Amino acid sequence: MPNIHPTAIIDPKAQLSDTCKIGPYCLIGERVVIGDDTEVGHGCHLTGTLTIGKKNSLYPYCCLGTPPQDISYSGEDLSVRIGDNNTLREFCTINIGTAKDRGFTSVGNGNFFMSYVHIGHDCDIGNNTIFVNNVGISGHSQIEDDAVISGLTGIHHYVTVGRYAFIGGMSRIIHDAPPFMMVEGNPSRVHRVNIVGLQRHGFSPESIEALKHAHRILYRSKLTRIEAFQILESSEGPPTPEVRYLIDFLKKQMAGRQGRQREILRKGVKR
């Protein structure tokens, strides 16, 4: 049987693993599923159609599965899906999806969300990301694997943050943040390659040097973006896998609107 504090209020239809732990004064709704060895701290509110995987740690007063902060929402039964081995510190909030997008908000595996992180409706959070205190992720956004977002940063809706990107604190991110780069400011801009982060993740010196060279061509030269792509793709031989991914990311960004590749998901927007 699950370890449930006697003050917790749990709907009898909720599906709780025999090895999960529910703290005092929690409120858990009928469509909530909680996996093995997940611990839910006191005062958490888990509601809506919410699936939480294995070995997650929810600290006190997390609020997950609540309706989206979207005036078009009209009560549809949509969902939040959370994977395994995530840590959600105090007062984190995650809203369900909306009918005008894919209908669910998702969080992958191994993520670390510090206190007061908010993840809006229809967001797609990858694996092994770190969100520092008071980060706000607006609806329809995507955060790719291993990205780090520093404290008090606001992410505009429909923004994509690329893999291994590092976002500096108190930044205002209104355009896609490219992978492997350090982005900071209000308005934000790309500063340099995320060298320390890439080294910590085992990237080779050759891969990092190739990204530094791509950064100089893309962001420090007077070339147009198309001219820079031509140099990186042909004139200097085949790009490394990391540079290839960076180029593909930027091409998708250019195909979107307002510097955001996911803007094409909006209804009524020409593709």
Protein backbone atom coordinates (compact mmCIF):
# COMPACT_ATOMS: atom_id res chain seq x y z
CA MET A 1 0.00 0.00 0.00
CA PRO A 2 1.19 3.56 -0.64
CA ASN A 3 2.50 5.54 2.30
CA ILE A 4 -0.26 8.15 2.68
CA HIS A 5 -0.46 10.68 5.49
CA PRO A 6 -3.87 10.58 7.18
CA THR A 7 -4.53 14.27 6.47
CA ALA A 8 -4.19 13.85 2.70
CA ILE A 9 -7.42 13.98 0.69
CA ILE A 10 -7.29 11.49 -2.20
CA ASP A 11 -10.07 10.64 -4.60
CA PRO A 12 -10.68 6.86 -4.51
CA LYS A 13 -10.38 6.72 -8.31
CA ALA A 14 -6.81 8.07 -8.28
CA GLN A 15 -4.21 5.49 -9.28
CA LEU A 16 -1.31 5.47 -6.83
CA SER A 17 1.64 3.09 -6.93
CA ASP A 18 2.11 0.89 -3.89
CA THR A 19 5.56 2.44 -3.41
CA CYS A 20 4.73 6.14 -3.69
CA LYS A 21 4.61 8.46 -0.68
CA ILE A 22 1.98 11.16 -0.11
CA GLY A 23 2.63 13.85 2.50
CA PRO A 24 0.20 15.69 4.78
CA TYR A 25 -2.57 17.95 3.51
CA CYS A 26 -2.19 16.94 -0.14
CA LEU A 27 -5.22 17.08 -2.44
CA ILE A 28 -5.22 14.48 -5.24
CA GLY A 29 -7.97 14.24 -7.85
CA GLU A 30 -9.66 11.28 -9.51
CA ARG A 31 -7.71 11.31 -12.80
CA VAL A 32 -4.26 11.45 -11.23
CA VAL A 33 -1.77 8.60 -11.78
CA ILE A 34 1.41 8.44 -9.66
CA GLY A 35 4.22 5.98 -10.40
CA ASP A 36 6.63 3.95 -8.28
CA ASP A 37 8.76 5.62 -5.60
CA THR A 38 7.47 9.12 -6.31
CA GLU A 39 7.30 11.32 -3.21
CA VAL A 40 4.71 14.08 -2.93
CA GLY A 41 5.49 16.71 -0.30
CA HIS A 42 2.92 18.28 2.00
CA GLY A 43 0.31 20.61 0.65
CA CYS A 44 0.62 19.60 -3.01
CA HIS A 45 -2.44 19.99 -5.24
CA LEU A 46 -2.56 17.36 -8.01
CA THR A 47 -5.63 17.56 -10.21
CA GLY A 48 -6.95 17.15 -13.74
CA THR A 49 -5.76 14.38 -16.03
CA LEU A 50 -2.25 14.11 -14.64
CA THR A 51 0.27 11.31 -15.05
CA ILE A 52 3.46 11.35 -12.95
CA GLY A 53 6.09 8.67 -13.56
CA LYS A 54 8.62 6.98 -11.32
CA LYS A 55 11.03 8.37 -8.70
CA ASN A 56 9.91 11.98 -8.89
CA SER A 57 10.29 14.34 -5.92
CA LEU A 58 7.55 16.93 -5.48
CA TYR A 59 8.36 19.41 -2.74
CA PRO A 60 5.67 21.23 -0.73
CA TYR A 61 2.89 23.20 -2.43
CA CYS A 62 3.46 22.12 -6.02
CA CYS A 63 0.30 22.63 -8.07
CA LEU A 64 0.06 20.36 -11.11
CA GLY A 65 -2.66 19.62 -13.65
CA THR A 66 -4.62 22.83 -13.17
CA PRO A 67 -6.46 24.53 -16.08
CA PRO A 68 -4.44 26.61 -18.54
CA GLN A 69 -4.13 30.35 -18.04
CA ASP A 70 -5.79 30.91 -21.39
CA ILE A 71 -9.09 32.72 -21.89
CA SER A 72 -10.05 30.36 -24.74
CA TYR A 73 -10.14 27.35 -22.41
CA SER A 74 -13.67 26.05 -21.96
CA GLY A 75 -13.30 23.04 -19.70
CA GLU A 76 -11.90 20.40 -22.06
CA ASP A 77 -10.42 17.30 -20.39
CA LEU A 78 -6.77 17.79 -21.36
CA SER A 79 -3.65 16.68 -19.56
CA VAL A 80 -0.16 16.93 -18.09
CA ARG A 81 2.37 14.13 -18.57
CA ILE A 82 5.47 13.98 -16.38
CA GLY A 83 8.23 11.39 -16.81
CA ASP A 84 10.70 9.91 -14.32
CA ASN A 85 13.37 11.16 -11.92
CA ASN A 86 12.28 14.79 -11.92
CA THR A 87 12.67 17.17 -8.98
CA LEU A 88 10.10 19.93 -8.53
CA ARG A 89 10.92 22.26 -5.68
CA GLU A 90 8.46 24.34 -3.68
CA PHE A 91 5.50 26.05 -5.38
CA CYS A 92 6.13 24.78 -8.93
CA THR A 93 3.08 24.98 -11.20
CA ILE A 94 2.31 23.08 -14.42
CA ASN A 95 -0.91 23.66 -16.42
CA ILE A 96 -2.69 21.25 -18.75
CA GLY A 97 -2.74 21.74 -22.52
CA THR A 98 -5.35 23.45 -24.69
CA ALA A 99 -7.57 22.29 -27.51
CA LYS A 100 -5.93 24.72 -29.94
CA ASP A 101 -2.58 22.92 -29.61
CA ARG A 102 -1.70 19.27 -28.97
CA GLY A 103 -3.84 19.10 -25.84
CA PHE A 104 -1.20 18.19 -23.26
CA THR A 105 1.80 19.63 -21.46
CA SER A 106 4.78 17.30 -21.16
CA VAL A 107 7.88 17.05 -19.00
CA GLY A 108 10.54 14.45 -19.78
CA ASN A 109 13.00 12.78 -17.43
CA GLY A 110 15.71 13.95 -15.05
CA ASN A 111 14.71 17.61 -14.93
CA PHE A 112 15.40 19.91 -11.96
CA PHE A 113 12.93 22.74 -11.39
CA MET A 114 13.73 25.10 -8.54
CA SER A 115 11.14 27.02 -6.50
CA TYR A 116 8.31 28.95 -8.17
CA VAL A 117 8.94 27.64 -11.67
CA HIS A 118 5.85 27.92 -13.88
CA ILE A 119 5.30 25.80 -17.00
CA GLY A 120 2.42 27.00 -19.13
CA HIS A 121 -0.06 25.07 -21.24
CA ASP A 122 1.07 22.91 -24.18
CA CYS A 123 4.77 23.24 -23.33
CA ASP A 124 7.18 20.45 -24.25
CA ILE A 125 10.04 20.14 -21.76
CA GLY A 126 12.81 17.68 -22.68
CA ASN A 127 15.23 15.79 -20.46
CA ASN A 128 17.88 16.86 -17.94
CA THR A 129 17.03 20.55 -18.02
CA ILE A 130 17.59 22.93 -15.11
CA PHE A 131 15.21 25.81 -14.37
CA VAL A 132 16.40 28.14 -11.62
CA ASN A 133 14.06 29.96 -9.22
CA ASN A 134 11.15 31.97 -10.63
CA VAL A 135 11.56 30.94 -14.27
CA GLY A 136 8.33 31.37 -16.22
CA ILE A 137 7.72 29.31 -19.38
CA SER A 138 4.80 30.69 -21.40
CA GLY A 139 2.41 28.47 -23.32
CA HIS A 140 3.30 26.45 -26.43
CA SER A 141 7.05 26.69 -25.75
CA GLN A 142 9.63 23.94 -26.17
CA ILE A 143 12.74 23.47 -24.05
CA GLU A 144 15.13 20.93 -25.54
CA ASP A 145 17.37 18.51 -23.64
CA ASP A 146 20.09 19.73 -21.25
CA ALA A 147 19.17 23.41 -21.48
CA VAL A 148 19.77 25.61 -18.42
CA ILE A 149 17.54 28.61 -17.72
CA SER A 150 18.75 30.95 -15.00
CA GLY A 151 16.60 32.64 -12.39
CA LEU A 152 13.90 35.25 -12.98
CA THR A 153 13.90 34.60 -16.74
CA GLY A 154 10.71 34.91 -18.76
CA ILE A 155 10.20 32.77 -21.86
CA HIS A 156 7.73 34.18 -24.42
CA HIS A 157 5.04 31.87 -25.75
CA TYR A 158 5.96 29.71 -28.78
CA VAL A 159 9.69 30.07 -28.05
CA THR A 160 12.09 27.16 -28.53
CA VAL A 161 15.23 26.91 -26.39
CA GLY A 162 17.75 24.63 -28.07
CA ARG A 163 19.65 21.76 -26.51
CA TYR A 164 22.61 22.64 -24.29
CA ALA A 165 21.69 26.33 -24.43
CA PHE A 166 22.40 28.45 -21.34
CA ILE A 167 20.05 31.36 -20.61
CA GLY A 168 21.45 34.07 -18.32
CA GLY A 169 19.49 35.31 -15.33
CA MET A 170 16.72 37.92 -15.57
CA SER A 171 16.59 37.57 -19.36
CA ARG A 172 13.60 38.26 -21.59
CA ILE A 173 13.52 35.55 -24.25
CA ILE A 174 11.17 36.53 -27.07
CA HIS A 175 12.99 34.72 -29.91
CA ASP A 176 14.23 31.15 -30.18
CA ALA A 177 17.46 30.57 -28.24
CA PRO A 178 19.84 28.52 -30.42
CA PRO A 179 21.41 25.28 -29.20
CA PHE A 180 24.89 25.22 -27.66
CA MET A 181 24.89 29.00 -27.12
CA MET A 182 24.79 31.40 -24.17
CA VAL A 183 21.88 33.83 -24.47
CA GLU A 184 21.22 36.73 -22.13
CA GLY A 185 19.65 40.16 -21.80
CA ASN A 186 16.57 42.31 -22.35
CA PRO A 187 16.26 42.19 -25.26
CA SER A 188 18.23 38.96 -25.29
CA ARG A 189 21.03 38.17 -27.71
CA VAL A 190 23.51 35.38 -28.36
CA HIS A 191 26.79 36.12 -26.58
CA ARG A 192 29.04 33.11 -27.06
CA VAL A 193 29.24 29.31 -27.17
CA ASN A 194 28.29 27.58 -23.91
CA ILE A 195 31.82 26.24 -23.54
CA VAL A 196 31.71 25.26 -19.86
CA GLY A 197 28.38 23.50 -20.25
CA LEU A 198 29.59 21.55 -23.28
CA GLN A 199 32.79 20.55 -21.51
CA ARG A 200 30.80 19.28 -18.54
CA HIS A 201 28.73 17.13 -20.89
CA GLY A 202 31.79 15.58 -22.50
CA PHE A 203 31.89 17.37 -25.86
CA SER A 204 35.26 17.03 -27.56
CA PRO A 205 37.58 20.04 -28.00
CA GLU A 206 37.15 19.66 -31.77
CA SER A 207 33.35 19.87 -31.52
CA ILE A 208 33.55 22.94 -29.31
CA GLU A 209 36.04 24.62 -31.62
CA ALA A 210 33.75 23.96 -34.60
CA LEU A 211 30.86 25.60 -32.74
CA LYS A 212 33.06 28.59 -31.84
CA HIS A 213 33.94 28.99 -35.50
CA ALA A 214 30.24 28.72 -36.48
CA HIS A 215 29.41 31.37 -33.89
CA ARG A 216 31.94 33.77 -35.38
CA ILE A 217 30.52 33.23 -38.88
CA LEU A 218 26.87 33.49 -37.80
CA TYR A 219 27.00 36.20 -35.16
CA ARG A 220 30.23 38.19 -35.47
CA SER A 221 30.62 38.60 -39.23
CA LYS A 222 28.72 40.95 -41.53
CA LEU A 223 27.41 38.06 -43.61
CA THR A 224 23.73 37.49 -44.08
CA ARG A 225 22.34 34.37 -42.46
CA ILE A 226 22.04 32.68 -45.88
CA GLU A 227 25.64 33.54 -46.76
CA ALA A 228 26.81 32.18 -43.42
CA PHE A 229 24.92 28.94 -44.01
CA GLN A 230 26.56 28.55 -47.41
CA ILE A 231 30.02 28.91 -45.92
CA LEU A 232 29.35 26.49 -43.08
CA GLU A 233 27.63 23.92 -45.28
CA SER A 234 29.82 23.84 -48.38
CA SER A 235 32.87 26.04 -48.57
CA GLU A 236 34.57 24.49 -45.57
CA GLY A 237 33.49 20.87 -45.97
CA PRO A 238 30.67 18.99 -44.20
CA PRO A 239 29.76 20.54 -40.83
CA THR A 240 30.10 18.59 -37.60
CA PRO A 241 26.89 17.06 -36.19
CA GLU A 242 26.63 19.91 -33.69
CA VAL A 243 27.04 22.62 -36.31
CA ARG A 244 24.61 20.77 -38.57
CA TYR A 245 22.02 20.78 -35.78
CA LEU A 246 22.63 24.49 -35.14
CA ILE A 247 22.11 25.32 -38.83
CA ASP A 248 18.94 23.24 -39.03
CA PHE A 249 17.60 24.92 -35.89
CA LEU A 250 18.21 28.40 -37.33
CA LYS A 251 16.58 27.46 -40.63
CA LYS A 252 13.45 26.35 -38.78
CA GLN A 253 13.51 29.61 -36.86
CA MET A 254 13.64 31.57 -40.11
CA ALA A 255 10.70 29.55 -41.46
CA GLY A 256 8.58 30.61 -38.48
CA ARG A 257 7.44 34.11 -37.56
CA GLN A 258 8.72 36.71 -35.09
CA GLY A 259 11.94 34.73 -34.63
CA ARG A 260 10.03 31.72 -33.28
CA GLN A 261 9.80 28.48 -35.25
CA ARG A 262 6.76 27.25 -33.29
CA GLU A 263 4.66 30.24 -34.41
CA ILE A 264 3.55 28.09 -37.34
CA LEU A 265 1.48 26.10 -34.81
CA ARG A 266 -0.88 29.03 -34.38
CA LYS A 267 -4.22 28.52 -36.09
CA GLY A 268 -4.64 30.79 -39.08
CA VAL A 269 -0.91 31.37 -39.57
CA LYS A 270 0.32 30.68 -43.10
CA ARG A 271 3.00 28.02 -43.22
